[in-house]
Structures are given as structure tokens and as C-alpha cells.
Amino acid sequence: MRDEVRKKLEETVNSSKVVLFMKGTKNFPQCGFSARVVQVLKKAGAPFTEVNVLADPEVREGIKEFSSWPTIPQLYVNGKFVGGCDIVNELDQSGELDPLLKG
């Protein structure tokens, strides 16, 4: 990954408390997994910044290397990687997501 891309990703994940790298936007998700995570975040009432990976191929590939996670969407809270759709769903169902988002 190019240094410029890594720097951009670092700045992005640290720019907001909750950042979601996704396909599409929060108002128009472009895949079911991204739509599901958006739904969970909206239900939790958590404001979040979305990054549409479809708009930038370098970000789309770079975020996978950055997090060592092969799929999109990817959720970051307080600059730390939380997980993808399955992990977010599990955290939501167990009640662990709300404290993470609000803490």
C-alpha cells in the first residue's frame, strides 16, 4: 500500500468517533452487508462517518490491508477496528455494541 493511502486511512479512522467503510453511502448502501451495518448503527442512534469504498479503488483495497480484514464493510470506533458485518451484528445482539459506541 502506498504511504499516501495509508496516511489517508489513518486520518480517516481518527477523524470521527465512528467510521464505517462501506459500499455506497448511508442513504444508499450498495450491498446488503453494508446496509445491515448502517441499519444497526442507525438503530443505536450513533452518528457515524461513512466512506464509500466504491468511489476510490485505492481506499477499497487499502482498507483491507490496513485492517488485515478481507471484506467490506469495516467499522472503526475511536480509531480502532471493530469488525465487519457479522461481528457488528453479534455485538449488537449481545448488547455490547451500544456501550462501545457511546463510550
N, C-alpha and C. Protein backbone atom coordinates (compact mmCIF):
# COMPACT_ATOMS: atom_id res chain seq x y z
N MET A 1 0.84 -1.18 0.00
CA MET A 1 0.00 0.00 0.00
C MET A 1 0.89 1.24 0.00
N ARG A 2 0.50 2.20 -0.80
CA ARG A 2 1.26 3.44 -0.86
C ARG A 2 1.14 4.21 0.45
N ASP A 3 2.21 4.92 0.80
CA ASP A 3 2.23 5.70 2.04
C ASP A 3 1.10 6.73 2.09
N GLU A 4 0.79 7.33 0.93
CA GLU A 4 -0.27 8.35 0.89
C GLU A 4 -1.62 7.73 1.25
N VAL A 5 -1.85 6.51 0.77
CA VAL A 5 -3.11 5.83 1.05
C VAL A 5 -3.18 5.46 2.53
N ARG A 6 -2.09 4.92 3.07
CA ARG A 6 -2.05 4.58 4.50
C ARG A 6 -2.31 5.82 5.36
N LYS A 7 -1.67 6.93 5.02
CA LYS A 7 -1.86 8.16 5.78
C LYS A 7 -3.31 8.62 5.70
N LYS A 8 -3.89 8.55 4.52
CA LYS A 8 -5.29 8.95 4.33
C LYS A 8 -6.22 8.08 5.18
N LEU A 9 -5.96 6.77 5.21
CA LEU A 9 -6.78 5.86 6.01
C LEU A 9 -6.63 6.15 7.50
N GLU A 10 -5.40 6.37 7.95
CA GLU A 10 -5.17 6.70 9.36
C GLU A 10 -5.92 7.97 9.75
N GLU A 11 -5.82 8.98 8.90
CA GLU A 11 -6.51 10.25 9.18
C GLU A 11 -8.03 10.05 9.21
N THR A 12 -8.52 9.23 8.30
CA THR A 12 -9.96 8.99 8.23
C THR A 12 -10.48 8.27 9.46
N VAL A 13 -9.81 7.19 9.87
CA VAL A 13 -10.32 6.43 11.03
C VAL A 13 -10.20 7.23 12.32
N ASN A 14 -9.32 8.22 12.34
CA ASN A 14 -9.16 9.04 13.54
C ASN A 14 -9.93 10.36 13.47
N SER A 15 -10.63 10.60 12.36
CA SER A 15 -11.32 11.87 12.16
C SER A 15 -12.67 11.94 12.86
N SER A 16 -13.27 10.81 13.13
CA SER A 16 -14.58 10.75 13.77
C SER A 16 -14.60 9.60 14.77
N LYS A 17 -15.49 9.69 15.73
CA LYS A 17 -15.61 8.63 16.73
C LYS A 17 -15.99 7.31 16.08
N VAL A 18 -16.94 7.34 15.15
CA VAL A 18 -17.42 6.13 14.47
C VAL A 18 -17.28 6.32 12.96
N VAL A 19 -16.53 5.42 12.33
CA VAL A 19 -16.31 5.49 10.88
C VAL A 19 -16.64 4.12 10.28
N LEU A 20 -17.44 4.16 9.22
CA LEU A 20 -17.81 2.93 8.53
C LEU A 20 -17.32 2.99 7.08
N PHE A 21 -16.43 2.07 6.74
CA PHE A 21 -16.01 1.89 5.36
C PHE A 21 -17.03 0.93 4.76
N MET A 22 -17.70 1.38 3.70
CA MET A 22 -18.82 0.61 3.17
C MET A 22 -18.92 0.76 1.66
N LYS A 23 -19.75 -0.07 1.07
CA LYS A 23 -20.06 0.05 -0.34
C LYS A 23 -21.31 0.89 -0.45
N GLY A 24 -21.15 2.09 -1.01
CA GLY A 24 -22.26 3.02 -1.12
C GLY A 24 -22.21 4.04 0.01
N THR A 25 -23.36 4.62 0.30
CA THR A 25 -23.48 5.63 1.35
C THR A 25 -24.54 5.20 2.35
N LYS A 26 -24.59 5.89 3.48
CA LYS A 26 -25.58 5.52 4.50
C LYS A 26 -27.00 5.69 3.98
N ASN A 27 -27.20 6.60 3.04
CA ASN A 27 -28.53 6.79 2.46
C ASN A 27 -28.79 5.89 1.27
N PHE A 28 -27.75 5.31 0.68
CA PHE A 28 -27.91 4.44 -0.47
C PHE A 28 -26.83 3.36 -0.46
N PRO A 29 -26.94 2.41 0.48
CA PRO A 29 -25.96 1.32 0.53
C PRO A 29 -25.99 0.50 -0.76
N GLN A 30 -24.83 0.03 -1.18
CA GLN A 30 -24.72 -0.70 -2.44
C GLN A 30 -24.53 -2.20 -2.24
N CYS A 31 -24.62 -2.68 -1.00
CA CYS A 31 -24.60 -4.12 -0.75
C CYS A 31 -25.36 -4.41 0.54
N GLY A 32 -25.85 -5.61 0.66
CA GLY A 32 -26.65 -5.99 1.81
C GLY A 32 -25.91 -5.92 3.12
N PHE A 33 -24.63 -6.29 3.11
CA PHE A 33 -23.84 -6.27 4.34
C PHE A 33 -23.65 -4.84 4.84
N SER A 34 -23.34 -3.93 3.91
CA SER A 34 -23.20 -2.52 4.29
C SER A 34 -24.54 -1.99 4.80
N ALA A 35 -25.62 -2.34 4.13
CA ALA A 35 -26.96 -1.89 4.54
C ALA A 35 -27.27 -2.37 5.96
N ARG A 36 -26.90 -3.58 6.28
CA ARG A 36 -27.18 -4.14 7.61
C ARG A 36 -26.42 -3.37 8.69
N VAL A 37 -25.15 -3.07 8.46
CA VAL A 37 -24.37 -2.33 9.46
C VAL A 37 -24.93 -0.92 9.63
N VAL A 38 -25.31 -0.27 8.53
CA VAL A 38 -25.93 1.05 8.61
C VAL A 38 -27.19 0.97 9.46
N GLN A 39 -28.00 -0.05 9.23
CA GLN A 39 -29.24 -0.23 9.98
C GLN A 39 -28.96 -0.37 11.48
N VAL A 40 -27.96 -1.15 11.83
CA VAL A 40 -27.59 -1.35 13.24
C VAL A 40 -27.13 -0.04 13.85
N LEU A 41 -26.28 0.71 13.14
CA LEU A 41 -25.77 1.98 13.67
C LEU A 41 -26.89 3.00 13.83
N LYS A 42 -27.80 3.05 12.87
CA LYS A 42 -28.93 3.99 12.97
C LYS A 42 -29.84 3.61 14.13
N LYS A 43 -30.08 2.31 14.31
CA LYS A 43 -30.91 1.84 15.43
C LYS A 43 -30.29 2.24 16.76
N ALA A 44 -28.96 2.18 16.82
CA ALA A 44 -28.25 2.55 18.05
C ALA A 44 -28.22 4.06 18.27
N GLY A 45 -28.61 4.81 17.23
CA GLY A 45 -28.58 6.27 17.35
C GLY A 45 -27.19 6.84 17.31
N ALA A 46 -26.26 6.09 16.74
CA ALA A 46 -24.87 6.51 16.71
C ALA A 46 -24.57 7.32 15.45
N PRO A 47 -24.19 8.58 15.60
CA PRO A 47 -23.75 9.32 14.41
C PRO A 47 -22.46 8.69 13.90
N PHE A 48 -22.34 8.59 12.58
CA PHE A 48 -21.13 7.99 12.04
C PHE A 48 -20.79 8.62 10.70
N THR A 49 -19.51 8.52 10.39
CA THR A 49 -18.99 8.97 9.10
C THR A 49 -18.88 7.76 8.21
N GLU A 50 -19.41 7.88 6.99
CA GLU A 50 -19.27 6.77 6.07
C GLU A 50 -18.24 7.11 5.00
N VAL A 51 -17.52 6.07 4.56
CA VAL A 51 -16.56 6.19 3.47
C VAL A 51 -16.99 5.20 2.40
N ASN A 52 -17.36 5.72 1.25
CA ASN A 52 -17.80 4.88 0.15
C ASN A 52 -16.57 4.34 -0.58
N VAL A 53 -16.24 3.08 -0.34
CA VAL A 53 -15.04 2.49 -0.95
C VAL A 53 -15.19 2.31 -2.46
N LEU A 54 -16.42 2.36 -2.96
CA LEU A 54 -16.62 2.22 -4.40
C LEU A 54 -16.15 3.47 -5.15
N ALA A 55 -16.01 4.58 -4.44
CA ALA A 55 -15.58 5.83 -5.06
C ALA A 55 -14.07 5.91 -5.26
N ASP A 56 -13.31 5.04 -4.59
CA ASP A 56 -11.85 5.11 -4.66
C ASP A 56 -11.25 3.71 -4.56
N PRO A 57 -10.80 3.15 -5.69
CA PRO A 57 -10.25 1.79 -5.68
C PRO A 57 -9.06 1.62 -4.73
N GLU A 58 -8.24 2.66 -4.56
CA GLU A 58 -7.09 2.55 -3.66
C GLU A 58 -7.55 2.41 -2.21
N VAL A 59 -8.58 3.13 -1.85
CA VAL A 59 -9.13 3.01 -0.49
C VAL A 59 -9.79 1.65 -0.33
N ARG A 60 -10.50 1.21 -1.35
CA ARG A 60 -11.19 -0.09 -1.29
C ARG A 60 -10.22 -1.23 -1.02
N GLU A 61 -9.10 -1.23 -1.70
CA GLU A 61 -8.09 -2.28 -1.49
C GLU A 61 -7.23 -1.98 -0.27
N GLY A 62 -6.91 -0.72 -0.07
CA GLY A 62 -6.02 -0.34 1.03
C GLY A 62 -6.60 -0.62 2.40
N ILE A 63 -7.91 -0.43 2.56
CA ILE A 63 -8.51 -0.64 3.88
C ILE A 63 -8.43 -2.10 4.29
N LYS A 64 -8.45 -2.99 3.32
CA LYS A 64 -8.35 -4.43 3.62
C LYS A 64 -6.96 -4.76 4.19
N GLU A 65 -5.95 -4.15 3.62
CA GLU A 65 -4.58 -4.35 4.12
C GLU A 65 -4.39 -3.62 5.46
N PHE A 66 -4.94 -2.42 5.54
CA PHE A 66 -4.81 -1.59 6.74
C PHE A 66 -5.33 -2.31 7.98
N SER A 67 -6.44 -3.00 7.83
CA SER A 67 -7.08 -3.67 8.97
C SER A 67 -6.75 -5.16 9.07
N SER A 68 -6.12 -5.68 8.03
CA SER A 68 -5.89 -7.14 7.92
C SER A 68 -7.23 -7.88 7.94
N TRP A 69 -8.23 -7.29 7.32
CA TRP A 69 -9.58 -7.86 7.25
C TRP A 69 -9.98 -7.86 5.77
N PRO A 70 -10.40 -9.00 5.22
CA PRO A 70 -10.55 -9.11 3.78
C PRO A 70 -11.84 -8.56 3.17
N THR A 71 -12.80 -8.16 4.00
CA THR A 71 -14.09 -7.78 3.44
C THR A 71 -14.53 -6.38 3.86
N ILE A 72 -15.51 -5.88 3.13
CA ILE A 72 -16.17 -4.61 3.39
C ILE A 72 -17.62 -4.96 3.72
N PRO A 73 -18.26 -4.36 4.68
CA PRO A 73 -17.91 -3.15 5.41
C PRO A 73 -16.95 -3.41 6.56
N GLN A 74 -16.37 -2.30 7.02
CA GLN A 74 -15.48 -2.33 8.18
C GLN A 74 -15.84 -1.17 9.09
N LEU A 75 -16.04 -1.47 10.36
CA LEU A 75 -16.41 -0.46 11.34
C LEU A 75 -15.22 -0.14 12.25
N TYR A 76 -14.98 1.15 12.45
CA TYR A 76 -13.95 1.65 13.36
C TYR A 76 -14.62 2.52 14.41
N VAL A 77 -14.24 2.32 15.67
CA VAL A 77 -14.73 3.17 16.76
C VAL A 77 -13.52 3.64 17.54
N ASN A 78 -13.45 4.96 17.73
CA ASN A 78 -12.31 5.57 18.44
C ASN A 78 -10.98 5.17 17.81
N GLY A 79 -10.95 5.10 16.49
CA GLY A 79 -9.71 4.79 15.77
C GLY A 79 -9.32 3.34 15.75
N LYS A 80 -10.15 2.47 16.34
CA LYS A 80 -9.82 1.05 16.41
C LYS A 80 -10.78 0.24 15.56
N PHE A 81 -10.25 -0.76 14.87
CA PHE A 81 -11.06 -1.65 14.05
C PHE A 81 -11.94 -2.52 14.94
N VAL A 82 -13.24 -2.52 14.67
CA VAL A 82 -14.19 -3.34 15.43
C VAL A 82 -14.47 -4.63 14.69
N GLY A 83 -14.79 -4.53 13.39
CA GLY A 83 -15.08 -5.73 12.62
C GLY A 83 -15.98 -5.43 11.44
N GLY A 84 -16.41 -6.51 10.83
CA GLY A 84 -17.30 -6.43 9.68
C GLY A 84 -18.75 -6.68 10.09
N CYS A 85 -19.57 -7.01 9.13
CA CYS A 85 -21.00 -7.15 9.34
C CYS A 85 -21.33 -8.20 10.41
N ASP A 86 -20.75 -9.37 10.32
CA ASP A 86 -21.08 -10.43 11.28
C ASP A 86 -20.72 -10.03 12.71
N ILE A 87 -19.55 -9.44 12.88
CA ILE A 87 -19.11 -9.04 14.22
C ILE A 87 -20.00 -7.92 14.76
N VAL A 88 -20.33 -6.96 13.92
CA VAL A 88 -21.21 -5.87 14.35
C VAL A 88 -22.57 -6.43 14.76
N ASN A 89 -23.11 -7.36 13.98
CA ASN A 89 -24.38 -7.99 14.34
C ASN A 89 -24.29 -8.72 15.68
N GLU A 90 -23.21 -9.47 15.87
CA GLU A 90 -23.03 -10.21 17.13
C GLU A 90 -22.94 -9.25 18.32
N LEU A 91 -22.18 -8.16 18.16
CA LEU A 91 -22.05 -7.18 19.23
C LEU A 91 -23.39 -6.51 19.52
N ASP A 92 -24.17 -6.27 18.47
CA ASP A 92 -25.49 -5.67 18.64
C ASP A 92 -26.41 -6.62 19.40
N GLN A 93 -26.43 -7.87 18.99
CA GLN A 93 -27.33 -8.85 19.61
C GLN A 93 -26.95 -9.14 21.06
N SER A 94 -25.66 -9.07 21.38
CA SER A 94 -25.22 -9.36 22.74
C SER A 94 -25.33 -8.14 23.66
N GLY A 95 -25.64 -6.98 23.06
CA GLY A 95 -25.74 -5.76 23.86
C GLY A 95 -24.41 -5.06 24.09
N GLU A 96 -23.36 -5.54 23.45
CA GLU A 96 -22.03 -4.95 23.65
C GLU A 96 -21.76 -3.75 22.74
N LEU A 97 -22.57 -3.57 21.69
CA LEU A 97 -22.28 -2.51 20.73
C LEU A 97 -22.61 -1.13 21.28
N ASP A 98 -23.78 -0.99 21.91
CA ASP A 98 -24.19 0.33 22.41
C ASP A 98 -23.15 0.96 23.34
N PRO A 99 -22.65 0.23 24.35
CA PRO A 99 -21.63 0.84 25.23
C PRO A 99 -20.35 1.22 24.46
N LEU A 100 -20.00 0.42 23.47
CA LEU A 100 -18.82 0.70 22.67
C LEU A 100 -19.02 2.02 21.89
N LEU A 101 -20.19 2.18 21.31
CA LEU A 101 -20.48 3.37 20.51
C LEU A 101 -20.63 4.63 21.37
N LYS A 102 -21.12 4.45 22.57
CA LYS A 102 -21.38 5.61 23.43
C LYS A 102 -20.22 5.90 24.39
N GLY A 103 -19.30 4.95 24.53
CA GLY A 103 -18.20 5.10 25.49
C GLY A 103 -17.10 6.00 25.05
